[in-house]
């Protein structure tokens, strides 16, 4: 009737006995949570990509992938980082 397994029902009952009504709201942060979606380097590249090229003294008005990669390499980023970004 509930379309769930007996094991899941047992887990819910066991959690309720241990934590009461607060077991309905699991504390994912206590278990470590998800890893960050972007590394610090990726955040920097994202910040550059979201900015207008004119802010960096360039003459074109919008980034293309190849222009962004060339700019990142010229700024000292590795070709691998620039290509992945």
C-alpha atoms as a PDB file:
ATOM      1  CA  UNK A   1       0.000   0.000   0.000  1.00  0.00           C
ATOM      2  CA  UNK A   2       2.883   2.411   0.701  1.00  0.00           C
ATOM      3  CA  UNK A   3       4.980   1.091  -2.214  1.00  0.00           C
ATOM      4  CA  UNK A   4       8.096   0.729  -0.116  1.00  0.00           C
ATOM      5  CA  UNK A   5      10.188  -2.137   1.158  1.00  0.00           C
ATOM      6  CA  UNK A   6      10.022  -3.683   4.604  1.00  0.00           C
ATOM      7  CA  UNK A   7      13.641  -2.655   5.188  1.00  0.00           C
ATOM      8  CA  UNK A   8      12.803   0.998   4.600  1.00  0.00           C
ATOM      9  CA  UNK A   9       9.881   0.798   7.053  1.00  0.00           C
ATOM     10  CA  UNK A  10      12.190  -0.741   9.666  1.00  0.00           C
ATOM     11  CA  UNK A  11      14.718   2.065   9.125  1.00  0.00           C
ATOM     12  CA  UNK A  12      12.032   4.718   9.585  1.00  0.00           C
ATOM     13  CA  UNK A  13      10.745   3.094  12.792  1.00  0.00           C
ATOM     14  CA  UNK A  14      14.288   2.687  14.156  1.00  0.00           C
ATOM     15  CA  UNK A  15      15.114   6.337  13.389  1.00  0.00           C
ATOM     16  CA  UNK A  16      11.866   7.509  14.970  1.00  0.00           C
ATOM     17  CA  UNK A  17      12.571   5.542  18.153  1.00  0.00           C
ATOM     18  CA  UNK A  18      16.056   7.054  18.356  1.00  0.00           C
ATOM     19  CA  UNK A  19      15.294  10.685  17.417  1.00  0.00           C
ATOM     20  CA  UNK A  20      11.518  11.150  17.734  1.00  0.00           C
ATOM     21  CA  UNK A  21       9.852  13.607  15.368  1.00  0.00           C
ATOM     22  CA  UNK A  22      13.176  15.247  14.498  1.00  0.00           C
ATOM     23  CA  UNK A  23      14.037  12.083  12.547  1.00  0.00           C
ATOM     24  CA  UNK A  24      11.770  13.412   9.805  1.00  0.00           C
ATOM     25  CA  UNK A  25      14.371  16.101   9.073  1.00  0.00           C
ATOM     26  CA  UNK A  26      17.742  14.385   8.605  1.00  0.00           C
ATOM     27  CA  UNK A  27      20.840  16.416   9.389  1.00  0.00           C
ATOM     28  CA  UNK A  28      22.814  16.036   6.182  1.00  0.00           C
ATOM     29  CA  UNK A  29      25.446  18.551   7.269  1.00  0.00           C
ATOM     30  CA  UNK A  30      26.418  16.295  10.147  1.00  0.00           C
ATOM     31  CA  UNK A  31      27.333  13.594   7.652  1.00  0.00           C
ATOM     32  CA  UNK A  32      29.639  15.788   5.619  1.00  0.00           C
ATOM     33  CA  UNK A  33      27.194  16.916   2.938  1.00  0.00           C
ATOM     34  CA  UNK A  34      27.980  17.260  -0.714  1.00  0.00           C
ATOM     35  CA  UNK A  35      31.377  18.450  -1.909  1.00  0.00           C
ATOM     36  CA  UNK A  36      31.528  22.013  -3.233  1.00  0.00           C
ATOM     37  CA  UNK A  37      30.419  22.320  -6.820  1.00  0.00           C
ATOM     38  CA  UNK A  38      33.281  24.576  -7.887  1.00  0.00           C
ATOM     39  CA  UNK A  39      36.885  24.729  -6.754  1.00  0.00           C
ATOM     40  CA  UNK A  40      38.473  28.087  -5.969  1.00  0.00           C
ATOM     41  CA  UNK A  41      40.178  28.163  -9.378  1.00  0.00           C
ATOM     42  CA  UNK A  42      36.937  27.349 -11.154  1.00  0.00           C
ATOM     43  CA  UNK A  43      35.204  30.173  -9.270  1.00  0.00           C
ATOM     44  CA  UNK A  44      37.863  32.617 -10.467  1.00  0.00           C
ATOM     45  CA  UNK A  45      37.442  31.451 -14.057  1.00  0.00           C
ATOM     46  CA  UNK A  46      33.662  31.720 -13.714  1.00  0.00           C
ATOM     47  CA  UNK A  47      34.028  35.289 -12.401  1.00  0.00           C
ATOM     48  CA  UNK A  48      36.142  36.214 -15.437  1.00  0.00           C
ATOM     49  CA  UNK A  49      33.721  34.522 -17.846  1.00  0.00           C
ATOM     50  CA  UNK A  50      30.717  36.369 -16.392  1.00  0.00           C
ATOM     51  CA  UNK A  51      32.441  39.757 -16.686  1.00  0.00           C
ATOM     52  CA  UNK A  52      32.527  41.780 -19.891  1.00  0.00           C
ATOM     53  CA  UNK A  53      35.818  41.553 -21.813  1.00  0.00           C
ATOM     54  CA  UNK A  54      36.032  45.364 -21.755  1.00  0.00           C
ATOM     55  CA  UNK A  55      36.626  45.200 -18.004  1.00  0.00           C
ATOM     56  CA  UNK A  56      39.942  43.530 -18.803  1.00  0.00           C
ATOM     57  CA  UNK A  57      40.897  46.052 -21.492  1.00  0.00           C
ATOM     58  CA  UNK A  58      39.839  43.896 -24.440  1.00  0.00           C
ATOM     59  CA  UNK A  59      38.114  45.345 -27.506  1.00  0.00           C
ATOM     60  CA  UNK A  60      35.432  42.730 -28.182  1.00  0.00           C
ATOM     61  CA  UNK A  61      32.045  42.827 -26.448  1.00  0.00           C
ATOM     62  CA  UNK A  62      31.385  39.167 -25.576  1.00  0.00           C
ATOM     63  CA  UNK A  63      33.442  36.099 -24.750  1.00  0.00           C
ATOM     64  CA  UNK A  64      33.629  33.136 -27.075  1.00  0.00           C
ATOM     65  CA  UNK A  65      35.050  29.917 -25.697  1.00  0.00           C
ATOM     66  CA  UNK A  66      38.226  30.225 -27.728  1.00  0.00           C
ATOM     67  CA  UNK A  67      38.766  33.886 -26.750  1.00  0.00           C
ATOM     68  CA  UNK A  68      38.164  33.076 -23.083  1.00  0.00           C
ATOM     69  CA  UNK A  69      40.634  30.175 -23.232  1.00  0.00           C
ATOM     70  CA  UNK A  70      43.257  32.345 -24.962  1.00  0.00           C
ATOM     71  CA  UNK A  71      42.787  35.093 -22.364  1.00  0.00           C
ATOM     72  CA  UNK A  72      43.090  32.653 -19.456  1.00  0.00           C
ATOM     73  CA  UNK A  73      46.292  31.162 -20.864  1.00  0.00           C
ATOM     74  CA  UNK A  74      47.701  34.672 -21.403  1.00  0.00           C
ATOM     75  CA  UNK A  75      46.855  35.462 -17.761  1.00  0.00           C
ATOM     76  CA  UNK A  76      48.859  32.468 -16.553  1.00  0.00           C
ATOM     77  CA  UNK A  77      46.236  29.754 -16.266  1.00  0.00           C
ATOM     78  CA  UNK A  78      47.203  26.342 -17.575  1.00  0.00           C
ATOM     79  CA  UNK A  79      45.765  25.264 -20.925  1.00  0.00           C
ATOM     80  CA  UNK A  80      44.048  22.349 -19.162  1.00  0.00           C
ATOM     81  CA  UNK A  81      42.235  24.661 -16.750  1.00  0.00           C
ATOM     82  CA  UNK A  82      41.287  27.051 -19.528  1.00  0.00           C
ATOM     83  CA  UNK A  83      39.976  24.266 -21.736  1.00  0.00           C
ATOM     84  CA  UNK A  84      37.961  22.633 -18.949  1.00  0.00           C
ATOM     85  CA  UNK A  85      36.436  25.960 -17.947  1.00  0.00           C
END
